[in-house]
Amino acid sequence: MQFNNHIGIDYSGAATPKTRSATIQAYHSQSSDDPRLVASPVSTDNRKRNWNRIELFDWMVRQFEQPNPIIIGIDHGLSFPISYFNRYQLSSWNDFLEDFSVHWPTDQPEATVEQFRSTSPRVGTNDEMRITEKWTSSAKSVFQFDVQGSVAKSTHAGLPFACRLRSAVSKVHFWPYDGWEIPVGKSVLAEIYPSIFRNRFAREARTVDQQDAYSVCRWLFQMDQSKQLPVFFNPPLDPPTKAAAAKEGWILGVY
């Protein structure tokens, strides 16, 4: 298999980065088609604690620092539509990530997404969509707040942490921004849309958020085991679309 561990993360942009939330969930496979729930590292046998975003970031860094390659699928946007790049004269994804983190410092311990929605000079409208979202039947714009199934808040909360992660661990391949092909031995961070996978697997006793993380993890493992992941890493895009998607990103599994 290409990866030694497969991790699915259901994210949340609620409250502050230090606020614990039951909507943050993580599952990992450890080379098994039976994903296991990952408990917050401060949990004990007698008391289970929910994750917060700061804690999750530190845990992700530790996973990526392991010697063997892993893949993490996370359910928030890692970029914005090309219209946003053009509006703010951003030439590359790295420029976008750093610029966004300056204008939306939502990784600060007391910060909330809500406090920047009316004050940040970097904004979009909910009719702006990336190509990958248009290729699905239900994915929302990364700017569409306050609706069911929205990823806007989690995206605006998660992007500064993605920027920090890029600086913290050099061996991570941010797909597809670092290229559509994955170099041998590289770990991967990719955007995932759990709605594509959640109904493929029986929910059993899991919460909705646990099911999302579980289904992402299990799908990643199964596709790697069957050697199908390279197919999804290279969706059938014409050259202009592929050039745009290299900046605005792609949802792994959309094909």
C-alpha atoms as a PDB file:
ATOM      1  CA  MET A   1       0.000   0.000   0.000  1.00  0.00           C
ATOM      2  CA  GLN A   2       1.060   3.584  -0.591  1.00  0.00           C
ATOM      3  CA  PHE A   3       0.352   4.734   2.975  1.00  0.00           C
ATOM      4  CA  ASN A   4       0.941   3.135   6.355  1.00  0.00           C
ATOM      5  CA  ASN A   5      -1.913   4.947   8.037  1.00  0.00           C
ATOM      6  CA  HIS A   6      -5.148   6.492   6.794  1.00  0.00           C
ATOM      7  CA  ILE A   7      -6.865   9.188   8.851  1.00  0.00           C
ATOM      8  CA  GLY A   8     -10.277  10.793   8.453  1.00  0.00           C
ATOM      9  CA  ILE A   9     -11.060  14.041  10.279  1.00  0.00           C
ATOM     10  CA  ASP A  10     -14.429  15.689  10.763  1.00  0.00           C
ATOM     11  CA  TYR A  11     -13.669  19.340  11.514  1.00  0.00           C
ATOM     12  CA  SER A  12     -15.486  22.214  13.193  1.00  0.00           C
ATOM     13  CA  GLY A  13     -15.159  25.992  13.023  1.00  0.00           C
ATOM     14  CA  ALA A  14     -17.345  26.687  16.039  1.00  0.00           C
ATOM     15  CA  ALA A  15     -16.285  28.989  18.874  1.00  0.00           C
ATOM     16  CA  THR A  16     -12.526  29.420  19.481  1.00  0.00           C
ATOM     17  CA  PRO A  17      -9.555  27.138  18.715  1.00  0.00           C
ATOM     18  CA  LYS A  18      -9.314  26.176  22.371  1.00  0.00           C
ATOM     19  CA  THR A  19     -13.022  25.333  22.697  1.00  0.00           C
ATOM     20  CA  ARG A  20     -13.676  21.602  22.928  1.00  0.00           C
ATOM     21  CA  SER A  21     -16.293  20.303  20.513  1.00  0.00           C
ATOM     22  CA  ALA A  22     -17.976  16.944  19.986  1.00  0.00           C
ATOM     23  CA  THR A  23     -18.163  17.772  16.271  1.00  0.00           C
ATOM     24  CA  ILE A  24     -14.387  17.318  15.914  1.00  0.00           C
ATOM     25  CA  GLN A  25     -13.748  13.631  15.346  1.00  0.00           C
ATOM     26  CA  ALA A  26     -10.824  11.574  14.065  1.00  0.00           C
ATOM     27  CA  TYR A  27     -10.487   7.945  12.958  1.00  0.00           C
ATOM     28  CA  HIS A  28      -7.382   6.082  11.839  1.00  0.00           C
ATOM     29  CA  SER A  29      -6.915   2.750  10.106  1.00  0.00           C
ATOM     30  CA  GLN A  30      -3.352   1.646  10.958  1.00  0.00           C
ATOM     31  CA  SER A  31      -3.331  -0.702   7.954  1.00  0.00           C
ATOM     32  CA  SER A  32      -6.702  -2.222   8.801  1.00  0.00           C
ATOM     33  CA  ASP A  33     -10.179  -2.064   7.267  1.00  0.00           C
ATOM     34  CA  ASP A  34     -11.526  -1.454  10.766  1.00  0.00           C
ATOM     35  CA  PRO A  35     -10.946   2.246  11.541  1.00  0.00           C
ATOM     36  CA  ARG A  36     -10.541   3.159  15.185  1.00  0.00           C
ATOM     37  CA  LEU A  37     -11.741   6.279  16.945  1.00  0.00           C
ATOM     38  CA  VAL A  38      -8.898   8.520  18.071  1.00  0.00           C
ATOM     39  CA  ALA A  39      -9.576  10.001  21.490  1.00  0.00           C
ATOM     40  CA  SER A  40      -8.366  13.420  22.516  1.00  0.00           C
ATOM     41  CA  PRO A  41      -4.900  12.973  24.075  1.00  0.00           C
ATOM     42  CA  VAL A  42      -6.119  14.469  27.342  1.00  0.00           C
ATOM     43  CA  SER A  43      -8.773  11.775  27.700  1.00  0.00           C
ATOM     44  CA  THR A  44      -8.442   9.227  30.473  1.00  0.00           C
ATOM     45  CA  ASP A  45     -10.063   5.884  31.162  1.00  0.00           C
ATOM     46  CA  ASN A  46     -12.516   7.608  33.459  1.00  0.00           C
ATOM     47  CA  ARG A  47     -13.134  10.762  31.459  1.00  0.00           C
ATOM     48  CA  LYS A  48     -13.385  11.228  27.722  1.00  0.00           C
ATOM     49  CA  ARG A  49     -12.634  14.750  26.520  1.00  0.00           C
ATOM     50  CA  ASN A  50     -13.604  16.319  23.227  1.00  0.00           C
ATOM     51  CA  TRP A  51     -10.956  17.675  20.865  1.00  0.00           C
ATOM     52  CA  ASN A  52     -10.243  21.327  20.245  1.00  0.00           C
ATOM     53  CA  ARG A  53      -8.585  22.735  17.122  1.00  0.00           C
ATOM     54  CA  ILE A  54      -5.247  23.551  18.766  1.00  0.00           C
ATOM     55  CA  GLU A  55      -4.975  20.043  20.161  1.00  0.00           C
ATOM     56  CA  LEU A  56      -5.933  18.523  16.803  1.00  0.00           C
ATOM     57  CA  PHE A  57      -3.275  20.568  15.001  1.00  0.00           C
ATOM     58  CA  ASP A  58      -0.567  19.365  17.417  1.00  0.00           C
ATOM     59  CA  TRP A  59      -1.711  15.776  16.949  1.00  0.00           C
ATOM     60  CA  MET A  60      -1.656  16.096  13.152  1.00  0.00           C
ATOM     61  CA  VAL A  61       1.915  17.413  13.301  1.00  0.00           C
ATOM     62  CA  ARG A  62       2.938  14.372  15.325  1.00  0.00           C
ATOM     63  CA  GLN A  63       1.292  12.027  12.829  1.00  0.00           C
ATOM     64  CA  PHE A  64       3.068  13.665   9.887  1.00  0.00           C
ATOM     65  CA  GLU A  65       6.399  13.500  11.719  1.00  0.00           C
ATOM     66  CA  GLN A  66       6.263   9.705  11.723  1.00  0.00           C
ATOM     67  CA  PRO A  67       8.810   8.096   9.381  1.00  0.00           C
ATOM     68  CA  ASN A  68       6.297   6.163   7.270  1.00  0.00           C
ATOM     69  CA  PRO A  69       3.930   7.968   4.849  1.00  0.00           C
ATOM     70  CA  ILE A  70       0.361   8.611   5.960  1.00  0.00           C
ATOM     71  CA  ILE A  71      -2.654  10.293   4.378  1.00  0.00           C
ATOM     72  CA  ILE A  72      -5.093  12.575   6.183  1.00  0.00           C
ATOM     73  CA  GLY A  73      -8.436  13.519   4.668  1.00  0.00           C
ATOM     74  CA  ILE A  74      -9.978  16.583   6.319  1.00  0.00           C
ATOM     75  CA  ASP A  75     -13.423  17.980   5.625  1.00  0.00           C
ATOM     76  CA  HIS A  76     -12.792  21.663   5.118  1.00  0.00           C
ATOM     77  CA  GLY A  77     -11.725  23.670   2.096  1.00  0.00           C
ATOM     78  CA  LEU A  78      -8.013  24.236   1.612  1.00  0.00           C
ATOM     79  CA  SER A  79      -8.417  27.019  -0.932  1.00  0.00           C
ATOM     80  CA  PHE A  80     -10.871  29.483  -2.522  1.00  0.00           C
ATOM     81  CA  PRO A  81     -12.248  30.012  -6.036  1.00  0.00           C
ATOM     82  CA  ILE A  82     -10.092  31.540  -8.767  1.00  0.00           C
ATOM     83  CA  SER A  83     -12.298  34.645  -8.622  1.00  0.00           C
ATOM     84  CA  TYR A  84     -10.914  35.291  -5.128  1.00  0.00           C
ATOM     85  CA  PHE A  85      -7.327  34.890  -6.351  1.00  0.00           C
ATOM     86  CA  ASN A  86      -7.975  37.388  -9.131  1.00  0.00           C
ATOM     87  CA  ARG A  87      -9.778  39.880  -6.900  1.00  0.00           C
ATOM     88  CA  TYR A  88      -6.922  40.085  -4.400  1.00  0.00           C
ATOM     89  CA  GLN A  89      -4.104  39.573  -6.926  1.00  0.00           C
ATOM     90  CA  LEU A  90      -2.820  36.338  -5.419  1.00  0.00           C
ATOM     91  CA  SER A  91      -0.544  34.488  -7.821  1.00  0.00           C
ATOM     92  CA  SER A  92      -0.146  31.145  -6.048  1.00  0.00           C
ATOM     93  CA  TRP A  93      -1.713  28.921  -3.425  1.00  0.00           C
ATOM     94  CA  ASN A  94       1.141  29.644  -1.019  1.00  0.00           C
ATOM     95  CA  ASP A  95       0.480  33.371  -1.425  1.00  0.00           C
ATOM     96  CA  PHE A  96      -3.215  32.756  -0.789  1.00  0.00           C
ATOM     97  CA  LEU A  97      -2.593  30.703   2.350  1.00  0.00           C
ATOM     98  CA  GLU A  98      -0.232  33.241   3.899  1.00  0.00           C
ATOM     99  CA  ASP A  99      -2.408  36.219   2.918  1.00  0.00           C
ATOM    100  CA  PHE A 100      -5.547  34.609   4.329  1.00  0.00           C
ATOM    101  CA  SER A 101      -3.821  33.795   7.621  1.00  0.00           C
ATOM    102  CA  VAL A 102      -2.896  37.471   8.043  1.00  0.00           C
ATOM    103  CA  HIS A 103      -6.430  38.713   7.405  1.00  0.00           C
ATOM    104  CA  TRP A 104      -8.251  35.868   9.186  1.00  0.00           C
ATOM    105  CA  PRO A 105      -6.009  34.864  12.150  1.00  0.00           C
ATOM    106  CA  THR A 106      -8.567  32.358  13.367  1.00  0.00           C
ATOM    107  CA  ASP A 107      -5.842  30.113  14.789  1.00  0.00           C
ATOM    108  CA  GLN A 108      -5.315  32.480  17.711  1.00  0.00           C
ATOM    109  CA  PRO A 109      -6.588  30.939  20.982  1.00  0.00           C
ATOM    110  CA  GLU A 110      -9.387  33.465  21.613  1.00  0.00           C
ATOM    111  CA  ALA A 111     -10.335  34.142  17.975  1.00  0.00           C
ATOM    112  CA  THR A 112     -13.628  33.182  16.359  1.00  0.00           C
ATOM    113  CA  VAL A 113     -14.652  33.112  12.719  1.00  0.00           C
ATOM    114  CA  GLU A 114     -17.624  35.320  13.526  1.00  0.00           C
ATOM    115  CA  GLN A 115     -15.496  38.237  14.709  1.00  0.00           C
ATOM    116  CA  PHE A 116     -13.824  38.554  11.297  1.00  0.00           C
ATOM    117  CA  ARG A 117     -16.866  38.094   9.065  1.00  0.00           C
ATOM    118  CA  SER A 118     -17.764  41.793   9.113  1.00  0.00           C
ATOM    119  CA  THR A 119     -14.279  43.262   9.511  1.00  0.00           C
ATOM    120  CA  SER A 120     -11.866  41.305   7.316  1.00  0.00           C
ATOM    121  CA  PRO A 121     -10.978  42.900   3.963  1.00  0.00           C
ATOM    122  CA  ARG A 122     -10.752  39.414   2.406  1.00  0.00           C
ATOM    123  CA  VAL A 123     -14.254  38.143   1.646  1.00  0.00           C
ATOM    124  CA  GLY A 124     -16.282  36.304  -0.968  1.00  0.00           C
ATOM    125  CA  THR A 125     -19.924  35.793  -1.897  1.00  0.00           C
ATOM    126  CA  ASN A 126     -21.904  32.592  -1.569  1.00  0.00           C
ATOM    127  CA  ASP A 127     -22.400  32.311  -5.337  1.00  0.00           C
ATOM    128  CA  GLU A 128     -18.644  31.919  -5.876  1.00  0.00           C
ATOM    129  CA  MET A 129     -17.841  28.236  -6.240  1.00  0.00           C
ATOM    130  CA  ARG A 130     -14.777  26.221  -7.079  1.00  0.00           C
ATOM    131  CA  ILE A 131     -14.876  23.856 -10.024  1.00  0.00           C
ATOM    132  CA  THR A 132     -14.671  20.823  -7.745  1.00  0.00           C
ATOM    133  CA  GLU A 133     -17.803  21.962  -5.900  1.00  0.00           C
ATOM    134  CA  LYS A 134     -19.643  22.351  -9.194  1.00  0.00           C
ATOM    135  CA  TRP A 135     -18.735  18.739 -10.000  1.00  0.00           C
ATOM    136  CA  THR A 136     -20.793  17.537  -7.024  1.00  0.00           C
ATOM    137  CA  SER A 137     -24.545  17.592  -6.483  1.00  0.00           C
ATOM    138  CA  SER A 138     -24.519  19.182  -3.035  1.00  0.00           C
ATOM    139  CA  ALA A 139     -21.165  20.735  -2.033  1.00  0.00           C
ATOM    140  CA  LYS A 140     -21.546  24.319  -0.798  1.00  0.00           C
ATOM    141  CA  SER A 141     -19.452  27.366  -1.588  1.00  0.00           C
ATOM    142  CA  VAL A 142     -16.657  27.994   0.918  1.00  0.00           C
ATOM    143  CA  PHE A 143     -18.287  31.415   1.418  1.00  0.00           C
ATOM    144  CA  GLN A 144     -21.797  30.141   2.151  1.00  0.00           C
ATOM    145  CA  PHE A 145     -22.273  30.544   5.893  1.00  0.00           C
ATOM    146  CA  ASP A 146     -25.263  29.773   8.118  1.00  0.00           C
ATOM    147  CA  VAL A 147     -26.859  26.967   6.125  1.00  0.00           C
ATOM    148  CA  GLN A 148     -27.095  23.251   6.786  1.00  0.00           C
ATOM    149  CA  GLY A 149     -24.098  21.413   5.380  1.00  0.00           C
ATOM    150  CA  SER A 150     -22.001  24.575   5.206  1.00  0.00           C
ATOM    151  CA  VAL A 151     -18.210  24.208   5.224  1.00  0.00           C
ATOM    152  CA  ALA A 152     -17.576  27.966   5.283  1.00  0.00           C
ATOM    153  CA  LYS A 153     -16.979  28.285   9.014  1.00  0.00           C
ATOM    154  CA  SER A 154     -14.763  25.212   9.289  1.00  0.00           C
ATOM    155  CA  THR A 155     -12.808  26.353   6.216  1.00  0.00           C
ATOM    156  CA  HIS A 156     -12.229  29.847   7.579  1.00  0.00           C
ATOM    157  CA  ALA A 157     -11.199  28.343  10.917  1.00  0.00           C
ATOM    158  CA  GLY A 158      -8.966  25.640   9.450  1.00  0.00           C
ATOM    159  CA  LEU A 159      -6.959  27.489   6.791  1.00  0.00           C
ATOM    160  CA  PRO A 160      -4.573  29.272   9.204  1.00  0.00           C
ATOM    161  CA  PHE A 161      -3.847  25.914  10.826  1.00  0.00           C
ATOM    162  CA  ALA A 162      -3.101  24.489   7.365  1.00  0.00           C
ATOM    163  CA  CYS A 163      -0.654  27.355   6.886  1.00  0.00           C
ATOM    164  CA  ARG A 164       1.012  26.535  10.203  1.00  0.00           C
ATOM    165  CA  LEU A 165       1.135  22.863   9.291  1.00  0.00           C
ATOM    166  CA  ARG A 166       2.862  23.695   6.011  1.00  0.00           C
ATOM    167  CA  SER A 167       5.623  25.438   7.951  1.00  0.00           C
ATOM    168  CA  ALA A 168       5.835  22.841  10.699  1.00  0.00           C
ATOM    169  CA  VAL A 169       6.287  19.657   8.629  1.00  0.00           C
ATOM    170  CA  SER A 170       8.241  19.829   5.390  1.00  0.00           C
ATOM    171  CA  LYS A 171       7.565  16.316   4.102  1.00  0.00           C
ATOM    172  CA  VAL A 172       3.795  16.742   3.692  1.00  0.00           C
ATOM    173  CA  HIS A 173       2.413  16.868   0.147  1.00  0.00           C
ATOM    174  CA  PHE A 174      -0.564  19.242   0.101  1.00  0.00           C
ATOM    175  CA  TRP A 175      -2.664  17.786  -2.686  1.00  0.00           C
ATOM    176  CA  PRO A 176      -3.109  19.029  -5.390  1.00  0.00           C
ATOM    177  CA  TYR A 177      -1.265  22.283  -4.692  1.00  0.00           C
ATOM    178  CA  ASP A 178       2.118  20.554  -4.599  1.00  0.00           C
ATOM    179  CA  GLY A 179       1.251  18.552  -7.705  1.00  0.00           C
ATOM    180  CA  TRP A 180      -1.307  15.946  -8.761  1.00  0.00           C
ATOM    181  CA  GLU A 181       1.204  13.092  -8.541  1.00  0.00           C
ATOM    182  CA  ILE A 182       2.307  11.983  -5.077  1.00  0.00           C
ATOM    183  CA  PRO A 183       6.072  11.377  -4.762  1.00  0.00           C
ATOM    184  CA  VAL A 184       7.079   8.031  -3.290  1.00  0.00           C
ATOM    185  CA  GLY A 185       7.399   8.184   0.480  1.00  0.00           C
ATOM    186  CA  LYS A 186       5.483  11.447   0.882  1.00  0.00           C
ATOM    187  CA  SER A 187       2.648  11.926   3.352  1.00  0.00           C
ATOM    188  CA  VAL A 188      -0.487  13.683   2.088  1.00  0.00           C
ATOM    189  CA  LEU A 189      -3.065  16.150   3.331  1.00  0.00           C
ATOM    190  CA  ALA A 190      -6.182  16.287   1.141  1.00  0.00           C
ATOM    191  CA  GLU A 191      -9.596  17.890   1.298  1.00  0.00           C
ATOM    192  CA  ILE A 192     -12.476  15.413   1.619  1.00  0.00           C
ATOM    193  CA  TYR A 193     -16.261  15.723   1.402  1.00  0.00           C
ATOM    194  CA  PRO A 194     -17.702  13.038   3.727  1.00  0.00           C
ATOM    195  CA  SER A 195     -21.174  13.171   2.165  1.00  0.00           C
ATOM    196  CA  ILE A 196     -19.762  11.250  -0.788  1.00  0.00           C
ATOM    197  CA  PHE A 197     -18.877   8.269   1.403  1.00  0.00           C
ATOM    198  CA  ARG A 198     -20.948   8.272   4.587  1.00  0.00           C
ATOM    199  CA  ASN A 199     -23.787   6.084   3.316  1.00  0.00           C
ATOM    200  CA  ARG A 200     -21.463   3.389   1.977  1.00  0.00           C
ATOM    201  CA  PHE A 201     -20.806   2.098   5.475  1.00  0.00           C
ATOM    202  CA  ALA A 202     -23.242   1.106   8.222  1.00  0.00           C
ATOM    203  CA  ARG A 203     -23.397   3.787  10.900  1.00  0.00           C
ATOM    204  CA  GLU A 204     -23.819   1.425  13.852  1.00  0.00           C
ATOM    205  CA  ALA A 205     -23.476   3.349  17.146  1.00  0.00           C
ATOM    206  CA  ARG A 206     -21.446   6.249  15.808  1.00  0.00           C
ATOM    207  CA  THR A 207     -22.578   9.880  15.958  1.00  0.00           C
ATOM    208  CA  VAL A 208     -23.063  11.741  12.671  1.00  0.00           C
ATOM    209  CA  ASP A 209     -19.653  13.401  13.044  1.00  0.00           C
ATOM    210  CA  GLN A 210     -17.981  10.132  13.955  1.00  0.00           C
ATOM    211  CA  GLN A 211     -19.564   8.482  10.928  1.00  0.00           C
ATOM    212  CA  ASP A 212     -18.160  11.197   8.664  1.00  0.00           C
ATOM    213  CA  ALA A 213     -14.621  10.736   9.979  1.00  0.00           C
ATOM    214  CA  TYR A 214     -14.978   6.939   9.969  1.00  0.00           C
ATOM    215  CA  SER A 215     -16.252   6.769   6.394  1.00  0.00           C
ATOM    216  CA  VAL A 216     -13.451   9.004   5.086  1.00  0.00           C
ATOM    217  CA  CYS A 217     -10.853   6.894   6.849  1.00  0.00           C
ATOM    218  CA  ARG A 218     -12.303   3.619   5.626  1.00  0.00           C
ATOM    219  CA  TRP A 219     -12.661   4.846   2.042  1.00  0.00           C
ATOM    220  CA  LEU A 220      -9.034   6.012   1.993  1.00  0.00           C
ATOM    221  CA  PHE A 221      -7.888   2.625   3.259  1.00  0.00           C
ATOM    222  CA  GLN A 222     -10.001   0.656   0.786  1.00  0.00           C
ATOM    223  CA  MET A 223      -8.923   2.751  -2.188  1.00  0.00           C
ATOM    224  CA  ASP A 224      -5.275   2.417  -1.190  1.00  0.00           C
ATOM    225  CA  GLN A 225      -5.613  -1.324  -0.615  1.00  0.00           C
ATOM    226  CA  SER A 226      -7.197  -1.773  -4.062  1.00  0.00           C
ATOM    227  CA  LYS A 227      -4.573   0.523  -5.640  1.00  0.00           C
ATOM    228  CA  GLN A 228      -7.251   2.957  -6.803  1.00  0.00           C
ATOM    229  CA  LEU A 229      -6.005   6.087  -5.034  1.00  0.00           C
ATOM    230  CA  PRO A 230      -3.820   7.163  -7.991  1.00  0.00           C
ATOM    231  CA  VAL A 231      -6.999   7.296 -10.094  1.00  0.00           C
ATOM    232  CA  PHE A 232      -8.567   9.800  -7.708  1.00  0.00           C
ATOM    233  CA  PHE A 233      -5.326  11.770  -7.420  1.00  0.00           C
ATOM    234  CA  ASN A 234      -5.598  12.381 -11.177  1.00  0.00           C
ATOM    235  CA  PRO A 235      -9.228  13.308 -12.014  1.00  0.00           C
ATOM    236  CA  PRO A 236     -10.048  13.629 -15.730  1.00  0.00           C
ATOM    237  CA  LEU A 237      -9.629  17.387 -16.154  1.00  0.00           C
ATOM    238  CA  ASP A 238      -8.816  19.267 -19.318  1.00  0.00           C
ATOM    239  CA  PRO A 239      -5.667  21.481 -19.139  1.00  0.00           C
ATOM    240  CA  PRO A 240      -7.416  24.810 -18.351  1.00  0.00           C
ATOM    241  CA  THR A 241      -9.533  23.200 -15.628  1.00  0.00           C
ATOM    242  CA  LYS A 242      -6.542  21.418 -14.163  1.00  0.00           C
ATOM    243  CA  ALA A 243      -4.534  24.658 -14.085  1.00  0.00           C
ATOM    244  CA  ALA A 244      -7.350  26.421 -12.202  1.00  0.00           C
ATOM    245  CA  ALA A 245      -7.824  23.486  -9.826  1.00  0.00           C
ATOM    246  CA  ALA A 246      -4.115  23.497  -9.000  1.00  0.00           C
ATOM    247  CA  LYS A 247      -4.795  26.812  -7.236  1.00  0.00           C
ATOM    248  CA  GLU A 248      -8.350  26.486  -6.000  1.00  0.00           C
ATOM    249  CA  GLY A 249      -7.992  22.857  -5.018  1.00  0.00           C
ATOM    250  CA  TRP A 250      -9.913  19.646  -5.518  1.00  0.00           C
ATOM    251  CA  ILE A 251     -11.982  17.377  -3.303  1.00  0.00           C
ATOM    252  CA  LEU A 252     -10.404  13.930  -3.229  1.00  0.00           C
ATOM    253  CA  GLY A 253     -13.006  11.439  -4.416  1.00  0.00           C
ATOM    254  CA  VAL A 254     -14.745  13.802  -6.850  1.00  0.00           C
ATOM    255  CA  TYR A 255     -14.211  12.244 -10.277  1.00  0.00           C
END
